[in-house]
Structure formats: C-alpha cells, structure tokens
Amino acid sequence: MKGKNLWIGLMALILIAIVSIGSMTGFFPFINPFTQFFVFVFFLVIIAVLAIIGAAFLGMVVSHKLLSSYTFTPFEKEMLKMKRDVEKIKKDMEDMKEVIGKMSEKEE
C-alpha cells in the first residue's frame, strides 16, 4: 500500500511539473485570464507546500548534524562520573564487609 501511494504521489508531481512547464512555455495556453490566475495560484500553493516540506526535512538533517557531535555532553560526563563513584563505593563496601567478617571470625 505504501508503494502504491508513493507512485501515485510521484505521478501527481510529474503531472503538475509537466502542466506548469507547459503553461510557462506556452504549450498549454490559458487564454482566459481567470483560468490563468487560478492555475498560477494553484501552482504557487503547490510550490509553497513542497518548499515547507523540504525546509522541514532540511532542518531535521541540519539539526541532526549539529546535535550529533561525537563527544559526551556535560550531563553525560556527569552521569559517567557518578557511575564511577557508585562503583567505587560498592567496592569499598565489599572491602569493609570482608574486613568486618574477618574481625568477627577472630573474636569468635
């Protein structure tokens, strides 16, 4: 279904391009001024919609490139530091357990 919609949209864009190029070159003459005005407005709206969609995609690409730096953010650096601190505290606690266990064995 997605492929069918893609081809329908592509054919519609090609048809619009053919009619717009034909009207600009005089191949499809619109003699009536009202028809010519409405065709102009229709193509203007189509171009504006496609420009907005293109700008949105371009903005997504640019923002992705800017935000996907290969270094850690300050927040991520702080989280990694906190992880090391927690691992150090865990190791210290295990060492303390061993020392307390040895001391309690000596007392018995």
PDB file of N, CA and C in Angstrom:
ATOM      1  N   MET A   1       0.828  -1.198   0.000  1.00  0.00           N
ATOM      2  CA  MET A   1       0.000   0.000   0.000  1.00  0.00           C
ATOM      3  C   MET A   1       0.871   1.261   0.000  1.00  0.00           C
ATOM      4  N   LYS A   2       1.996   1.210   0.749  1.00  0.00           N
ATOM      5  CA  LYS A   2       2.862   2.384   0.799  1.00  0.00           C
ATOM      6  C   LYS A   2       3.483   2.649  -0.563  1.00  0.00           C
ATOM      7  N   GLY A   3       3.891   1.598  -1.251  1.00  0.00           N
ATOM      8  CA  GLY A   3       4.496   1.764  -2.559  1.00  0.00           C
ATOM      9  C   GLY A   3       3.518   2.337  -3.563  1.00  0.00           C
ATOM     10  N   LYS A   4       2.261   1.917  -3.465  1.00  0.00           N
ATOM     11  CA  LYS A   4       1.242   2.423  -4.386  1.00  0.00           C
ATOM     12  C   LYS A   4       1.027   3.917  -4.161  1.00  0.00           C
ATOM     13  N   ASN A   5       0.939   4.334  -2.906  1.00  0.00           N
ATOM     14  CA  ASN A   5       0.751   5.748  -2.603  1.00  0.00           C
ATOM     15  C   ASN A   5       1.952   6.573  -3.057  1.00  0.00           C
ATOM     16  N   LEU A   6       3.140   6.008  -2.928  1.00  0.00           N
ATOM     17  CA  LEU A   6       4.344   6.706  -3.368  1.00  0.00           C
ATOM     18  C   LEU A   6       4.303   6.950  -4.871  1.00  0.00           C
ATOM     19  N   TRP A   7       3.921   5.934  -5.635  1.00  0.00           N
ATOM     20  CA  TRP A   7       3.871   6.094  -7.085  1.00  0.00           C
ATOM     21  C   TRP A   7       2.768   7.060  -7.503  1.00  0.00           C
ATOM     22  N   ILE A   8       1.642   7.024  -6.790  1.00  0.00           N
ATOM     23  CA  ILE A   8       0.560   7.965  -7.114  1.00  0.00           C
ATOM     24  C   ILE A   8       1.013   9.401  -6.858  1.00  0.00           C
ATOM     25  N   GLY A   9       1.677   9.621  -5.737  1.00  0.00           N
ATOM     26  CA  GLY A   9       2.178  10.958  -5.429  1.00  0.00           C
ATOM     27  C   GLY A   9       3.239  11.410  -6.414  1.00  0.00           C
ATOM     28  N   LEU A  10       4.116  10.488  -6.789  1.00  0.00           N
ATOM     29  CA  LEU A  10       5.158  10.816  -7.764  1.00  0.00           C
ATOM     30  C   LEU A  10       4.557  11.162  -9.117  1.00  0.00           C
ATOM     31  N   MET A  11       3.552  10.418  -9.546  1.00  0.00           N
ATOM     32  CA  MET A  11       2.893  10.707 -10.819  1.00  0.00           C
ATOM     33  C   MET A  11       2.170  12.051 -10.772  1.00  0.00           C
ATOM     34  N   ALA A  12       1.565  12.364  -9.605  1.00  0.00           N
ATOM     35  CA  ALA A  12       0.892  13.659  -9.465  1.00  0.00           C
ATOM     36  C   ALA A  12       1.900  14.796  -9.559  1.00  0.00           C
ATOM     37  N   LEU A  13       3.055  14.643  -8.928  1.00  0.00           N
ATOM     38  CA  LEU A  13       4.088  15.677  -9.019  1.00  0.00           C
ATOM     39  C   LEU A  13       4.613  15.832 -10.441  1.00  0.00           C
ATOM     40  N   ILE A  14       4.786  14.720 -11.126  1.00  0.00           N
ATOM     41  CA  ILE A  14       5.249  14.787 -12.520  1.00  0.00           C
ATOM     42  C   ILE A  14       4.200  15.475 -13.396  1.00  0.00           C
ATOM     43  N   LEU A  15       2.926  15.164 -13.178  1.00  0.00           N
ATOM     44  CA  LEU A  15       1.851  15.795 -13.941  1.00  0.00           C
ATOM     45  C   LEU A  15       1.813  17.298 -13.675  1.00  0.00           C
ATOM     46  N   ILE A  16       1.941  17.677 -12.411  1.00  0.00           N
ATOM     47  CA  ILE A  16       1.952  19.105 -12.068  1.00  0.00           C
ATOM     48  C   ILE A  16       3.150  19.793 -12.705  1.00  0.00           C
ATOM     49  N   ALA A  17       4.309  19.128 -12.700  1.00  0.00           N
ATOM     50  CA  ALA A  17       5.500  19.711 -13.317  1.00  0.00           C
ATOM     51  C   ALA A  17       5.308  19.880 -14.821  1.00  0.00           C
ATOM     52  N   ILE A  18       4.725  18.884 -15.468  1.00  0.00           N
ATOM     53  CA  ILE A  18       4.507  18.968 -16.915  1.00  0.00           C
ATOM     54  C   ILE A  18       3.546  20.099 -17.243  1.00  0.00           C
ATOM     55  N   VAL A  19       2.446  20.198 -16.524  1.00  0.00           N
ATOM     56  CA  VAL A  19       1.462  21.251 -16.801  1.00  0.00           C
ATOM     57  C   VAL A  19       2.049  22.632 -16.498  1.00  0.00           C
ATOM     58  N   SER A  20       2.811  22.749 -15.404  1.00  0.00           N
ATOM     59  CA  SER A  20       3.377  24.070 -15.075  1.00  0.00           C
ATOM     60  C   SER A  20       4.426  24.494 -16.092  1.00  0.00           C
ATOM     61  N   ILE A  21       5.294  23.572 -16.494  1.00  0.00           N
ATOM     62  CA  ILE A  21       6.301  23.910 -17.508  1.00  0.00           C
ATOM     63  C   ILE A  21       5.621  24.209 -18.843  1.00  0.00           C
ATOM     64  N   GLY A  22       4.600  23.433 -19.169  1.00  0.00           N
ATOM     65  CA  GLY A  22       3.856  23.686 -20.411  1.00  0.00           C
ATOM     66  C   GLY A  22       3.144  25.021 -20.409  1.00  0.00           C
ATOM     67  N   SER A  23       2.601  25.432 -19.257  1.00  0.00           N
ATOM     68  CA  SER A  23       1.916  26.727 -19.215  1.00  0.00           C
ATOM     69  C   SER A  23       2.909  27.881 -19.249  1.00  0.00           C
ATOM     70  N   MET A  24       4.108  27.683 -18.656  1.00  0.00           N
ATOM     71  CA  MET A  24       5.115  28.747 -18.688  1.00  0.00           C
ATOM     72  C   MET A  24       5.701  28.926 -20.088  1.00  0.00           C
ATOM     73  N   THR A  25       5.853  27.819 -20.814  1.00  0.00           N
ATOM     74  CA  THR A  25       6.436  27.894 -22.161  1.00  0.00           C
ATOM     75  C   THR A  25       5.396  28.195 -23.234  1.00  0.00           C
ATOM     76  N   GLY A  26       4.130  28.165 -22.882  1.00  0.00           N
ATOM     77  CA  GLY A  26       3.086  28.466 -23.858  1.00  0.00           C
ATOM     78  C   GLY A  26       2.563  27.235 -24.566  1.00  0.00           C
ATOM     79  N   PHE A  27       2.979  26.061 -24.157  1.00  0.00           N
ATOM     80  CA  PHE A  27       2.491  24.828 -24.779  1.00  0.00           C
ATOM     81  C   PHE A  27       1.020  24.591 -24.424  1.00  0.00           C
ATOM     82  N   PHE A  28       0.633  24.936 -23.188  1.00  0.00           N
ATOM     83  CA  PHE A  28      -0.763  24.889 -22.752  1.00  0.00           C
ATOM     84  C   PHE A  28      -1.226  26.329 -22.555  1.00  0.00           C
ATOM     85  N   PRO A  29      -1.719  26.965 -23.570  1.00  0.00           N
ATOM     86  CA  PRO A  29      -2.094  28.378 -23.404  1.00  0.00           C
ATOM     87  C   PRO A  29      -3.424  28.494 -22.655  1.00  0.00           C
ATOM     88  N   PHE A  30      -3.417  29.272 -21.620  1.00  0.00           N
ATOM     89  CA  PHE A  30      -4.645  29.581 -20.884  1.00  0.00           C
ATOM     90  C   PHE A  30      -5.034  31.008 -21.273  1.00  0.00           C
ATOM     91  N   ILE A  31      -5.943  31.103 -22.200  1.00  0.00           N
ATOM     92  CA  ILE A  31      -6.291  32.407 -22.759  1.00  0.00           C
ATOM     93  C   ILE A  31      -7.174  33.193 -21.792  1.00  0.00           C
ATOM     94  N   ASN A  32      -8.067  32.505 -21.116  1.00  0.00           N
ATOM     95  CA  ASN A  32      -8.954  33.167 -20.165  1.00  0.00           C
ATOM     96  C   ASN A  32      -8.130  33.669 -18.976  1.00  0.00           C
ATOM     97  N   PRO A  33      -8.210  34.965 -18.632  1.00  0.00           N
ATOM     98  CA  PRO A  33      -7.392  35.488 -17.528  1.00  0.00           C
ATOM     99  C   PRO A  33      -7.721  34.843 -16.183  1.00  0.00           C
ATOM    100  N   PHE A  34      -8.991  34.518 -15.959  1.00  0.00           N
ATOM    101  CA  PHE A  34      -9.364  33.888 -14.688  1.00  0.00           C
ATOM    102  C   PHE A  34      -8.748  32.502 -14.561  1.00  0.00           C
ATOM    103  N   THR A  35      -8.764  31.745 -15.637  1.00  0.00           N
ATOM    104  CA  THR A  35      -8.157  30.419 -15.627  1.00  0.00           C
ATOM    105  C   THR A  35      -6.657  30.532 -15.416  1.00  0.00           C
ATOM    106  N   GLN A  36      -6.052  31.489 -16.083  1.00  0.00           N
ATOM    107  CA  GLN A  36      -4.617  31.680 -15.931  1.00  0.00           C
ATOM    108  C   GLN A  36      -4.272  32.064 -14.493  1.00  0.00           C
ATOM    109  N   PHE A  37      -5.092  32.930 -13.886  1.00  0.00           N
ATOM    110  CA  PHE A  37      -4.863  33.330 -12.492  1.00  0.00           C
ATOM    111  C   PHE A  37      -4.994  32.139 -11.553  1.00  0.00           C
ATOM    112  N   PHE A  38      -6.042  31.332 -11.699  1.00  0.00           N
ATOM    113  CA  PHE A  38      -6.252  30.194 -10.812  1.00  0.00           C
ATOM    114  C   PHE A  38      -5.176  29.129 -10.986  1.00  0.00           C
ATOM    115  N   VAL A  39      -4.720  28.937 -12.212  1.00  0.00           N
ATOM    116  CA  VAL A  39      -3.622  27.989 -12.445  1.00  0.00           C
ATOM    117  C   VAL A  39      -2.356  28.500 -11.771  1.00  0.00           C
ATOM    118  N   PHE A  40      -2.104  29.809 -11.883  1.00  0.00           N
ATOM    119  CA  PHE A  40      -0.936  30.398 -11.233  1.00  0.00           C
ATOM    120  C   PHE A  40      -1.019  30.227  -9.722  1.00  0.00           C
ATOM    121  N   VAL A  41      -2.169  30.512  -9.126  1.00  0.00           N
ATOM    122  CA  VAL A  41      -2.338  30.370  -7.674  1.00  0.00           C
ATOM    123  C   VAL A  41      -2.200  28.904  -7.256  1.00  0.00           C
ATOM    124  N   PHE A  42      -2.755  27.994  -8.040  1.00  0.00           N
ATOM    125  CA  PHE A  42      -2.660  26.566  -7.727  1.00  0.00           C
ATOM    126  C   PHE A  42      -1.201  26.119  -7.695  1.00  0.00           C
ATOM    127  N   PHE A  43      -0.436  26.501  -8.719  1.00  0.00           N
ATOM    128  CA  PHE A  43       0.973  26.110  -8.746  1.00  0.00           C
ATOM    129  C   PHE A  43       1.774  26.800  -7.651  1.00  0.00           C
ATOM    130  N   LEU A  44       1.407  28.023  -7.328  1.00  0.00           N
ATOM    131  CA  LEU A  44       2.071  28.738  -6.241  1.00  0.00           C
ATOM    132  C   LEU A  44       1.853  28.019  -4.908  1.00  0.00           C
ATOM    133  N   VAL A  45       0.632  27.551  -4.677  1.00  0.00           N
ATOM    134  CA  VAL A  45       0.331  26.812  -3.438  1.00  0.00           C
ATOM    135  C   VAL A  45       1.097  25.492  -3.415  1.00  0.00           C
ATOM    136  N   ILE A  46       1.126  24.785  -4.515  1.00  0.00           N
ATOM    137  CA  ILE A  46       1.859  23.515  -4.583  1.00  0.00           C
ATOM    138  C   ILE A  46       3.340  23.740  -4.286  1.00  0.00           C
ATOM    139  N   ILE A  47       3.925  24.766  -4.909  1.00  0.00           N
ATOM    140  CA  ILE A  47       5.342  25.051  -4.674  1.00  0.00           C
ATOM    141  C   ILE A  47       5.584  25.435  -3.226  1.00  0.00           C
ATOM    142  N   ALA A  48       4.677  26.222  -2.645  1.00  0.00           N
ATOM    143  CA  ALA A  48       4.842  26.623  -1.247  1.00  0.00           C
ATOM    144  C   ALA A  48       4.779  25.415  -0.312  1.00  0.00           C
ATOM    145  N   VAL A  49       3.845  24.515  -0.547  1.00  0.00           N
ATOM    146  CA  VAL A  49       3.729  23.315   0.302  1.00  0.00           C
ATOM    147  C   VAL A  49       4.980  22.457   0.179  1.00  0.00           C
ATOM    148  N   LEU A  50       5.450  22.240  -1.040  1.00  0.00           N
ATOM    149  CA  LEU A  50       6.657  21.443  -1.232  1.00  0.00           C
ATOM    150  C   LEU A  50       7.881  22.125  -0.623  1.00  0.00           C
ATOM    151  N   ALA A  51       7.927  23.459  -0.681  1.00  0.00           N
ATOM    152  CA  ALA A  51       9.043  24.184  -0.071  1.00  0.00           C
ATOM    153  C   ALA A  51       9.035  24.035   1.446  1.00  0.00           C
ATOM    154  N   ILE A  52       7.868  24.079   2.046  1.00  0.00           N
ATOM    155  CA  ILE A  52       7.769  23.916   3.506  1.00  0.00           C
ATOM    156  C   ILE A  52       8.185  22.504   3.913  1.00  0.00           C
ATOM    157  N   ILE A  53       7.728  21.517   3.169  1.00  0.00           N
ATOM    158  CA  ILE A  53       8.113  20.134   3.473  1.00  0.00           C
ATOM    159  C   ILE A  53       9.619  19.958   3.304  1.00  0.00           C
ATOM    160  N   GLY A  54      10.177  20.503   2.232  1.00  0.00           N
ATOM    161  CA  GLY A  54      11.620  20.417   2.009  1.00  0.00           C
ATOM    162  C   GLY A  54      12.402  21.129   3.095  1.00  0.00           C
ATOM    163  N   ALA A  55      11.924  22.290   3.526  1.00  0.00           N
ATOM    164  CA  ALA A  55      12.608  23.029   4.589  1.00  0.00           C
ATOM    165  C   ALA A  55      12.568  22.250   5.905  1.00  0.00           C
ATOM    166  N   ALA A  56      11.459  21.576   6.167  1.00  0.00           N
ATOM    167  CA  ALA A  56      11.372  20.775   7.396  1.00  0.00           C
ATOM    168  C   ALA A  56      12.390  19.634   7.356  1.00  0.00           C
ATOM    169  N   PHE A  57      12.483  18.951   6.232  1.00  0.00           N
ATOM    170  CA  PHE A  57      13.457  17.868   6.120  1.00  0.00           C
ATOM    171  C   PHE A  57      14.887  18.390   6.188  1.00  0.00           C
ATOM    172  N   LEU A  58      15.141  19.513   5.537  1.00  0.00           N
ATOM    173  CA  LEU A  58      16.470  20.104   5.593  1.00  0.00           C
ATOM    174  C   LEU A  58      16.810  20.523   7.024  1.00  0.00           C
ATOM    175  N   GLY A  59      15.841  21.080   7.734  1.00  0.00           N
ATOM    176  CA  GLY A  59      16.058  21.454   9.129  1.00  0.00           C
ATOM    177  C   GLY A  59      16.361  20.248  10.000  1.00  0.00           C
ATOM    178  N   MET A  60      15.674  19.125   9.746  1.00  0.00           N
ATOM    179  CA  MET A  60      15.952  17.916  10.516  1.00  0.00           C
ATOM    180  C   MET A  60      17.368  17.408  10.253  1.00  0.00           C
ATOM    181  N   VAL A  61      17.794  17.455   9.008  1.00  0.00           N
ATOM    182  CA  VAL A  61      19.144  16.982   8.667  1.00  0.00           C
ATOM    183  C   VAL A  61      20.196  17.871   9.315  1.00  0.00           C
ATOM    184  N   VAL A  62      20.014  19.183   9.207  1.00  0.00           N
ATOM    185  CA  VAL A  62      20.998  20.114   9.764  1.00  0.00           C
ATOM    186  C   VAL A  62      21.052  20.000  11.282  1.00  0.00           C
ATOM    187  N   SER A  63      19.888  19.939  11.938  1.00  0.00           N
ATOM    188  CA  SER A  63      19.888  19.835  13.403  1.00  0.00           C
ATOM    189  C   SER A  63      20.481  18.504  13.858  1.00  0.00           C
ATOM    190  N   HIS A  64      20.250  17.446  13.102  1.00  0.00           N
ATOM    191  CA  HIS A  64      20.850  16.163  13.459  1.00  0.00           C
ATOM    192  C   HIS A  64      22.370  16.242  13.365  1.00  0.00           C
ATOM    193  N   LYS A  65      22.865  16.871  12.307  1.00  0.00           N
ATOM    194  CA  LYS A  65      24.317  17.005  12.147  1.00  0.00           C
ATOM    195  C   LYS A  65      24.915  17.864  13.259  1.00  0.00           C
ATOM    196  N   LEU A  66      24.213  18.923  13.639  1.00  0.00           N
ATOM    197  CA  LEU A  66      24.738  19.806  14.683  1.00  0.00           C
ATOM    198  C   LEU A  66      24.704  19.158  16.062  1.00  0.00           C
ATOM    199  N   LEU A  67      23.642  18.420  16.340  1.00  0.00           N
ATOM    200  CA  LEU A  67      23.473  17.863  17.676  1.00  0.00           C
ATOM    201  C   LEU A  67      24.153  16.513  17.866  1.00  0.00           C
ATOM    202  N   SER A  68      24.552  15.875  16.792  1.00  0.00           N
ATOM    203  CA  SER A  68      25.168  14.556  16.933  1.00  0.00           C
ATOM    204  C   SER A  68      26.683  14.683  16.937  1.00  0.00           C
ATOM    205  N   SER A  69      27.177  15.444  17.870  1.00  0.00           N
ATOM    206  CA  SER A  69      28.626  15.547  17.989  1.00  0.00           C
ATOM    207  C   SER A  69      29.150  14.252  18.596  1.00  0.00           C
ATOM    208  N   TYR A  70      30.409  13.996  18.412  1.00  0.00           N
ATOM    209  CA  TYR A  70      30.965  12.730  18.862  1.00  0.00           C
ATOM    210  C   TYR A  70      31.598  12.833  20.240  1.00  0.00           C
ATOM    211  N   THR A  71      31.271  13.865  20.967  1.00  0.00           N
ATOM    212  CA  THR A  71      31.748  13.993  22.344  1.00  0.00           C
ATOM    213  C   THR A  71      30.546  13.872  23.271  1.00  0.00           C
ATOM    214  N   PHE A  72      30.832  13.600  24.528  1.00  0.00           N
ATOM    215  CA  PHE A  72      29.758  13.499  25.504  1.00  0.00           C
ATOM    216  C   PHE A  72      29.328  14.893  25.928  1.00  0.00           C
ATOM    217  N   THR A  73      28.041  15.028  26.210  1.00  0.00           N
ATOM    218  CA  THR A  73      27.531  16.286  26.738  1.00  0.00           C
ATOM    219  C   THR A  73      27.943  16.397  28.199  1.00  0.00           C
ATOM    220  N   PRO A  74      27.880  17.587  28.786  1.00  0.00           N
ATOM    221  CA  PRO A  74      28.220  17.718  30.203  1.00  0.00           C
ATOM    222  C   PRO A  74      27.360  16.822  31.099  1.00  0.00           C
ATOM    223  N   PHE A  75      26.085  16.658  30.766  1.00  0.00           N
ATOM    224  CA  PHE A  75      25.220  15.777  31.541  1.00  0.00           C
ATOM    225  C   PHE A  75      25.720  14.340  31.481  1.00  0.00           C
ATOM    226  N   GLU A  76      26.078  13.884  30.270  1.00  0.00           N
ATOM    227  CA  GLU A  76      26.562  12.512  30.129  1.00  0.00           C
ATOM    228  C   GLU A  76      27.891  12.323  30.861  1.00  0.00           C
ATOM    229  N   LYS A  77      28.755  13.326  30.810  1.00  0.00           N
ATOM    230  CA  LYS A  77      30.016  13.235  31.552  1.00  0.00           C
ATOM    231  C   LYS A  77      29.759  13.116  33.049  1.00  0.00           C
ATOM    232  N   GLU A  78      28.799  13.894  33.558  1.00  0.00           N
ATOM    233  CA  GLU A  78      28.467  13.831  34.982  1.00  0.00           C
ATOM    234  C   GLU A  78      27.886  12.472  35.349  1.00  0.00           C
ATOM    235  N   MET A  79      27.065  11.895  34.479  1.00  0.00           N
ATOM    236  CA  MET A  79      26.497  10.574  34.755  1.00  0.00           C
ATOM    237  C   MET A  79      27.590   9.503  34.771  1.00  0.00           C
ATOM    238  N   LEU A  80      28.546   9.591  33.858  1.00  0.00           N
ATOM    239  CA  LEU A  80      29.654   8.632  33.854  1.00  0.00           C
ATOM    240  C   LEU A  80      30.510   8.769  35.109  1.00  0.00           C
ATOM    241  N   LYS A  81      30.721  10.004  35.544  1.00  0.00           N
ATOM    242  CA  LYS A  81      31.474  10.239  36.774  1.00  0.00           C
ATOM    243  C   LYS A  81      30.721   9.665  37.981  1.00  0.00           C
ATOM    244  N   MET A  82      29.401   9.864  37.984  1.00  0.00           N
ATOM    245  CA  MET A  82      28.586   9.329  39.079  1.00  0.00           C
ATOM    246  C   MET A  82      28.624   7.805  39.074  1.00  0.00           C
ATOM    247  N   LYS A  83      28.626   7.194  37.891  1.00  0.00           N
ATOM    248  CA  LYS A  83      28.700   5.735  37.797  1.00  0.00           C
ATOM    249  C   LYS A  83      30.011   5.229  38.386  1.00  0.00           C
ATOM    250  N   ARG A  84      31.107   5.911  38.061  1.00  0.00           N
ATOM    251  CA  ARG A  84      32.400   5.510  38.642  1.00  0.00           C
ATOM    252  C   ARG A  84      32.387   5.663  40.162  1.00  0.00           C
ATOM    253  N   ASP A  85      31.774   6.733  40.644  1.00  0.00           N
ATOM    254  CA  ASP A  85      31.699   6.942  42.091  1.00  0.00           C
ATOM    255  C   ASP A  85      30.889   5.828  42.765  1.00  0.00           C
ATOM    256  N   VAL A  86      29.785   5.445  42.157  1.00  0.00           N
ATOM    257  CA  VAL A  86      28.951   4.381  42.730  1.00  0.00           C
ATOM    258  C   VAL A  86      29.709   3.054  42.725  1.00  0.00           C
ATOM    259  N   GLU A  87      30.415   2.772  41.637  1.00  0.00           N
ATOM    260  CA  GLU A  87      31.200   1.528  41.595  1.00  0.00           C
ATOM    261  C   GLU A  87      32.295   1.534  42.646  1.00  0.00           C
ATOM    262  N   LYS A  88      32.926   2.687  42.880  1.00  0.00           N
ATOM    263  CA  LYS A  88      33.962   2.796  43.907  1.00  0.00           C
ATOM    264  C   LYS A  88      33.357   2.586  45.298  1.00  0.00           C
ATOM    265  N   ILE A  89      32.179   3.165  45.520  1.00  0.00           N
ATOM    266  CA  ILE A  89      31.513   2.987  46.820  1.00  0.00           C
ATOM    267  C   ILE A  89      31.149   1.519  47.029  1.00  0.00           C
ATOM    268  N   LYS A  90      30.653   0.852  45.993  1.00  0.00           N
ATOM    269  CA  LYS A  90      30.328  -0.582  46.094  1.00  0.00           C
ATOM    270  C   LYS A  90      31.569  -1.388  46.455  1.00  0.00           C
ATOM    271  N   LYS A  91      32.680  -1.104  45.794  1.00  0.00           N
ATOM    272  CA  LYS A  91      33.916  -1.830  46.068  1.00  0.00           C
ATOM    273  C   LYS A  91      34.374  -1.575  47.502  1.00  0.00           C
ATOM    274  N   ASP A  92      34.301  -0.328  47.948  1.00  0.00           N
ATOM    275  CA  ASP A  92      34.676  -0.006  49.325  1.00  0.00           C
ATOM    276  C   ASP A  92      33.783  -0.742  50.327  1.00  0.00           C
ATOM    277  N   MET A  93      32.488  -0.827  50.026  1.00  0.00           N
ATOM    278  CA  MET A  93      31.557  -1.529  50.928  1.00  0.00           C
ATOM    279  C   MET A  93      31.893  -3.023  50.988  1.00  0.00           C
ATOM    280  N   GLU A  94      32.226  -3.613  49.842  1.00  0.00           N
ATOM    281  CA  GLU A  94      32.593  -5.029  49.840  1.00  0.00           C
ATOM    282  C   GLU A  94      33.878  -5.258  50.627  1.00  0.00           C
ATOM    283  N   ASP A  95      34.846  -4.343  50.472  1.00  0.00           N
ATOM    284  CA  ASP A  95      36.089  -4.446  51.254  1.00  0.00           C
ATOM    285  C   ASP A  95      35.790  -4.335  52.751  1.00  0.00           C
ATOM    286  N   MET A  96      34.887  -3.417  53.107  1.00  0.00           N
ATOM    287  CA  MET A  96      34.520  -3.256  54.526  1.00  0.00           C
ATOM    288  C   MET A  96      33.839  -4.515  55.058  1.00  0.00           C
ATOM    289  N   LYS A  97      32.982  -5.150  54.233  1.00  0.00           N
ATOM    290  CA  LYS A  97      32.329  -6.394  54.649  1.00  0.00           C
ATOM    291  C   LYS A  97      33.365  -7.470  54.923  1.00  0.00           C
ATOM    292  N   GLU A  98      34.345  -7.565  54.023  1.00  0.00           N
ATOM    293  CA  GLU A  98      35.386  -8.577  54.227  1.00  0.00           C
ATOM    294  C   GLU A  98      36.163  -8.320  55.515  1.00  0.00           C
ATOM    295  N   VAL A  99      36.525  -7.070  55.763  1.00  0.00           N
ATOM    296  CA  VAL A  99      37.284  -6.731  56.974  1.00  0.00           C
ATOM    297  C   VAL A  99      36.447  -7.016  58.214  1.00  0.00           C
ATOM    298  N   ILE A 100      35.183  -6.633  58.194  1.00  0.00           N
ATOM    299  CA  ILE A 100      34.311  -6.885  59.356  1.00  0.00           C
ATOM    300  C   ILE A 100      34.113  -8.386  59.539  1.00  0.00           C
ATOM    301  N   GLY A 101      33.981  -9.118  58.425  1.00  0.00           N
ATOM    302  CA  GLY A 101      33.830 -10.574  58.533  1.00  0.00           C
ATOM    303  C   GLY A 101      35.062 -11.207  59.139  1.00  0.00           C
ATOM    304  N   LYS A 102      36.262 -10.793  58.776  1.00  0.00           N
ATOM    305  CA  LYS A 102      37.490 -11.313  59.335  1.00  0.00           C
ATOM    306  C   LYS A 102      37.606 -10.963  60.818  1.00  0.00           C
ATOM    307  N   MET A 103      37.192  -9.725  61.164  1.00  0.00           N
ATOM    308  CA  MET A 103      37.266  -9.310  62.574  1.00  0.00           C
ATOM    309  C   MET A 103      36.300 -10.103  63.436  1.00  0.00           C
ATOM    310  N   SER A 104      35.109 -10.398  62.874  1.00  0.00           N
ATOM    311  CA  SER A 104      34.141 -11.176  63.682  1.00  0.00           C
ATOM    312  C   SER A 104      34.588 -12.626  63.819  1.00  0.00           C
ATOM    313  N   GLU A 105      35.301 -13.159  62.825  1.00  0.00           N
ATOM    314  CA  GLU A 105      35.812 -14.527  62.921  1.00  0.00           C
ATOM    315  C   GLU A 105      36.918 -14.620  63.993  1.00  0.00           C
ATOM    316  N   LYS A 106      37.733 -13.575  64.091  1.00  0.00           N
ATOM    317  CA  LYS A 106      38.814 -13.554  65.086  1.00  0.00           C
ATOM    318  C   LYS A 106      38.241 -13.482  66.498  1.00  0.00           C
ATOM    319  N   GLU A 107      37.136 -12.782  66.676  1.00  0.00           N
ATOM    320  CA  GLU A 107      36.536 -12.615  68.001  1.00  0.00           C
ATOM    321  C   GLU A 107      35.930 -13.941  68.478  1.00  0.00           C
ATOM    322  N   GLU A 108      35.490 -14.757  67.586  1.00  0.00           N
ATOM    323  CA  GLU A 108      34.834 -15.998  67.986  1.00  0.00           C
ATOM    324  C   GLU A 108      35.840 -17.017  68.339  1.00  0.00           C
TER     325      GLU A 108
END
